C-alpha atoms as a PDB file:
ATOM      1  CA  UNK A   1     -42.950  33.599  62.778  1.00  0.00           C
ATOM      2  CA  UNK A   2     -44.307  32.317  59.462  1.00  0.00           C
ATOM      3  CA  UNK A   3     -47.024  34.961  59.375  1.00  0.00           C
ATOM      4  CA  UNK A   4     -44.544  37.764  59.949  1.00  0.00           C
ATOM      5  CA  UNK A   5     -42.003  36.334  57.507  1.00  0.00           C
ATOM      6  CA  UNK A   6     -44.607  36.036  54.785  1.00  0.00           C
ATOM      7  CA  UNK A   7     -46.192  39.421  55.401  1.00  0.00           C
ATOM      8  CA  UNK A   8     -43.746  41.401  53.319  1.00  0.00           C
ATOM      9  CA  UNK A   9     -43.668  44.116  55.985  1.00  0.00           C
ATOM     10  CA  UNK A  10     -40.485  45.767  57.109  1.00  0.00           C
ATOM     11  CA  UNK A  11     -40.223  46.272  60.865  1.00  0.00           C
ATOM     12  CA  UNK A  12     -41.241  49.925  60.493  1.00  0.00           C
ATOM     13  CA  UNK A  13     -44.236  49.011  58.318  1.00  0.00           C
ATOM     14  CA  UNK A  14     -45.352  46.328  60.781  1.00  0.00           C
ATOM     15  CA  UNK A  15     -45.189  48.809  63.682  1.00  0.00           C
ATOM     16  CA  UNK A  16     -47.146  51.371  61.678  1.00  0.00           C
ATOM     17  CA  UNK A  17     -50.020  48.949  60.993  1.00  0.00           C
ATOM     18  CA  UNK A  18     -51.650  48.955  64.440  1.00  0.00           C
ATOM     19  CA  UNK A  19     -53.941  45.992  63.815  1.00  0.00           C
ATOM     20  CA  UNK A  20     -51.163  43.822  62.425  1.00  0.00           C
ATOM     21  CA  UNK A  21     -48.745  44.822  65.180  1.00  0.00           C
ATOM     22  CA  UNK A  22     -51.353  44.056  67.834  1.00  0.00           C
ATOM     23  CA  UNK A  23     -51.897  40.563  66.444  1.00  0.00           C
ATOM     24  CA  UNK A  24     -48.152  39.938  66.362  1.00  0.00           C
ATOM     25  CA  UNK A  25     -47.674  41.064  69.977  1.00  0.00           C
ATOM     26  CA  UNK A  26     -50.609  38.906  71.144  1.00  0.00           C
ATOM     27  CA  UNK A  27     -49.134  35.942  69.252  1.00  0.00           C
ATOM     28  CA  UNK A  28     -45.763  36.431  70.925  1.00  0.00           C
ATOM     29  CA  UNK A  29     -47.368  36.547  74.377  1.00  0.00           C
ATOM     30  CA  UNK A  30     -49.521  33.485  73.671  1.00  0.00           C
ATOM     31  CA  UNK A  31     -46.604  31.440  72.329  1.00  0.00           C
ATOM     32  CA  UNK A  32     -44.513  32.421  75.342  1.00  0.00           C
ATOM     33  CA  UNK A  33     -47.232  31.459  77.820  1.00  0.00           C
ATOM     34  CA  UNK A  34     -47.815  28.126  76.120  1.00  0.00           C
ATOM     35  CA  UNK A  35     -44.122  27.280  75.752  1.00  0.00           C
ATOM     36  CA  UNK A  36     -43.201  28.178  79.334  1.00  0.00           C
ATOM     37  CA  UNK A  37     -46.342  26.837  80.991  1.00  0.00           C
ATOM     38  CA  UNK A  38     -46.941  23.498  79.283  1.00  0.00           C
ATOM     39  CA  UNK A  39     -47.798  20.948  80.643  1.00  0.00           C
ATOM     40  CA  UNK A  40     -48.363  22.354  84.148  1.00  0.00           C
ATOM     41  CA  UNK A  41     -50.511  25.357  83.212  1.00  0.00           C
ATOM     42  CA  UNK A  42     -53.685  25.447  81.160  1.00  0.00           C
ATOM     43  CA  UNK A  43     -54.103  28.358  78.769  1.00  0.00           C
ATOM     44  CA  UNK A  44     -57.453  29.821  77.696  1.00  0.00           C
ATOM     45  CA  UNK A  45     -59.132  32.750  75.967  1.00  0.00           C
ATOM     46  CA  UNK A  46     -62.295  34.159  77.576  1.00  0.00           C
ATOM     47  CA  UNK A  47     -65.162  36.108  76.024  1.00  0.00           C
ATOM     48  CA  UNK A  48     -68.583  37.065  77.323  1.00  0.00           C
ATOM     49  CA  UNK A  49     -70.633  39.227  74.947  1.00  0.00           C
ATOM     50  CA  UNK A  50     -68.484  42.338  74.384  1.00  0.00           C
ATOM     51  CA  UNK A  51     -65.962  41.621  77.161  1.00  0.00           C
ATOM     52  CA  UNK A  52     -62.880  39.519  76.581  1.00  0.00           C
ATOM     53  CA  UNK A  53     -59.568  38.521  78.101  1.00  0.00           C
ATOM     54  CA  UNK A  54     -56.715  37.679  75.760  1.00  0.00           C
ATOM     55  CA  UNK A  55     -55.238  34.912  77.933  1.00  0.00           C
ATOM     56  CA  UNK A  56     -56.185  33.080  81.104  1.00  0.00           C
ATOM     57  CA  UNK A  57     -53.579  30.906  82.836  1.00  0.00           C
ATOM     58  CA  UNK A  58     -54.838  28.237  85.207  1.00  0.00           C
ATOM     59  CA  UNK A  59     -52.888  25.961  87.500  1.00  0.00           C
ATOM     60  CA  UNK A  60     -54.824  24.220  90.236  1.00  0.00           C
ATOM     61  CA  UNK A  61     -56.962  26.885  91.911  1.00  0.00           C
ATOM     62  CA  UNK A  62     -54.809  29.794  90.705  1.00  0.00           C
ATOM     63  CA  UNK A  63     -56.033  32.001  87.856  1.00  0.00           C
ATOM     64  CA  UNK A  64     -54.405  34.911  86.090  1.00  0.00           C
ATOM     65  CA  UNK A  65     -56.251  36.977  83.477  1.00  0.00           C
ATOM     66  CA  UNK A  66     -53.987  38.758  80.984  1.00  0.00           C
ATOM     67  CA  UNK A  67     -54.841  41.577  78.600  1.00  0.00           C
ATOM     68  CA  UNK A  68     -52.257  42.467  75.943  1.00  0.00           C
ATOM     69  CA  UNK A  69     -52.008  46.052  74.700  1.00  0.00           C
ATOM     70  CA  UNK A  70     -49.658  47.142  71.951  1.00  0.00           C
ATOM     71  CA  UNK A  71     -51.023  50.606  71.266  1.00  0.00           C
ATOM     72  CA  UNK A  72     -52.461  53.457  73.259  1.00  0.00           C
ATOM     73  CA  UNK A  73     -54.106  52.203  76.447  1.00  0.00           C
ATOM     74  CA  UNK A  74     -54.486  53.105  80.068  1.00  0.00           C
ATOM     75  CA  UNK A  75     -55.699  51.116  83.056  1.00  0.00           C
ATOM     76  CA  UNK A  76     -57.462  47.781  83.073  1.00  0.00           C
ATOM     77  CA  UNK A  77     -60.104  46.835  80.576  1.00  0.00           C
ATOM     78  CA  UNK A  78     -63.662  45.856  81.327  1.00  0.00           C
ATOM     79  CA  UNK A  79     -62.747  42.311  80.243  1.00  0.00           C
ATOM     80  CA  UNK A  80     -60.402  41.822  83.177  1.00  0.00           C
ATOM     81  CA  UNK A  81     -62.978  43.116  85.634  1.00  0.00           C
ATOM     82  CA  UNK A  82     -65.725  41.047  83.982  1.00  0.00           C
ATOM     83  CA  UNK A  83     -63.631  37.911  84.171  1.00  0.00           C
ATOM     84  CA  UNK A  84     -62.980  38.455  87.882  1.00  0.00           C
ATOM     85  CA  UNK A  85     -66.680  39.094  88.477  1.00  0.00           C
ATOM     86  CA  UNK A  86     -67.532  35.838  86.702  1.00  0.00           C
ATOM     87  CA  UNK A  87     -64.831  33.581  88.183  1.00  0.00           C
ATOM     88  CA  UNK A  88     -63.870  35.217  91.480  1.00  0.00           C
ATOM     89  CA  UNK A  89     -60.737  36.833  92.791  1.00  0.00           C
ATOM     90  CA  UNK A  90     -57.809  36.375  90.435  1.00  0.00           C
ATOM     91  CA  UNK A  91     -54.640  38.101  89.396  1.00  0.00           C
ATOM     92  CA  UNK A  92     -55.223  40.596  86.581  1.00  0.00           C
ATOM     93  CA  UNK A  93     -52.350  41.711  84.366  1.00  0.00           C
ATOM     94  CA  UNK A  94     -51.984  44.257  81.606  1.00  0.00           C
ATOM     95  CA  UNK A  95     -49.030  43.460  79.348  1.00  0.00           C
ATOM     96  CA  UNK A  96     -47.567  46.092  77.069  1.00  0.00           C
ATOM     97  CA  UNK A  97     -48.752  49.678  76.873  1.00  0.00           C
ATOM     98  CA  UNK A  98     -49.996  50.840  80.266  1.00  0.00           C
ATOM     99  CA  UNK A  99     -48.814  47.713  82.084  1.00  0.00           C
ATOM    100  CA  UNK A 100     -45.900  45.328  82.401  1.00  0.00           C
ATOM    101  CA  UNK A 101     -43.380  46.038  79.631  1.00  0.00           C
ATOM    102  CA  UNK A 102     -43.387  43.262  77.042  1.00  0.00           C
ATOM    103  CA  UNK A 103     -39.665  42.531  77.441  1.00  0.00           C
ATOM    104  CA  UNK A 104     -40.077  42.151  81.211  1.00  0.00           C
ATOM    105  CA  UNK A 105     -43.130  39.908  80.808  1.00  0.00           C
ATOM    106  CA  UNK A 106     -41.278  37.647  78.383  1.00  0.00           C
ATOM    107  CA  UNK A 107     -38.360  37.261  80.783  1.00  0.00           C
ATOM    108  CA  UNK A 108     -40.475  35.154  83.193  1.00  0.00           C
ATOM    109  CA  UNK A 109     -42.286  31.846  82.767  1.00  0.00           C
ATOM    110  CA  UNK A 110     -46.063  31.504  82.755  1.00  0.00           C
ATOM    111  CA  UNK A 111     -45.963  30.081  86.295  1.00  0.00           C
ATOM    112  CA  UNK A 112     -44.338  33.261  87.561  1.00  0.00           C
ATOM    113  CA  UNK A 113     -47.449  35.236  86.643  1.00  0.00           C
ATOM    114  CA  UNK A 114     -49.969  32.986  88.408  1.00  0.00           C
ATOM    115  CA  UNK A 115     -51.982  34.686  91.141  1.00  0.00           C
END
């Protein structure tokens, strides 16, 4: 909230700056996952060379890998598939463009999205 308040952007300007808007959407998703999952769920970021997953939720033996897209996108990313290859069968979610609408995603707790 502080970053967006101090940015000086209007809503239209923020939406027009794709990089800025993407960071804001990822921040909203991350804050939501942390706030609705703590202390029962662990929250991570995963990266292996050029592949990455924006958020990983873990509770016990359940894992969900989440990629957040705020611009043009279609299908799953190589990061989600790479994560599953590395850690085994898990739930893979795309949030935003090409996946679960952001408003819908934010209407459920982190535990809801566990695989």
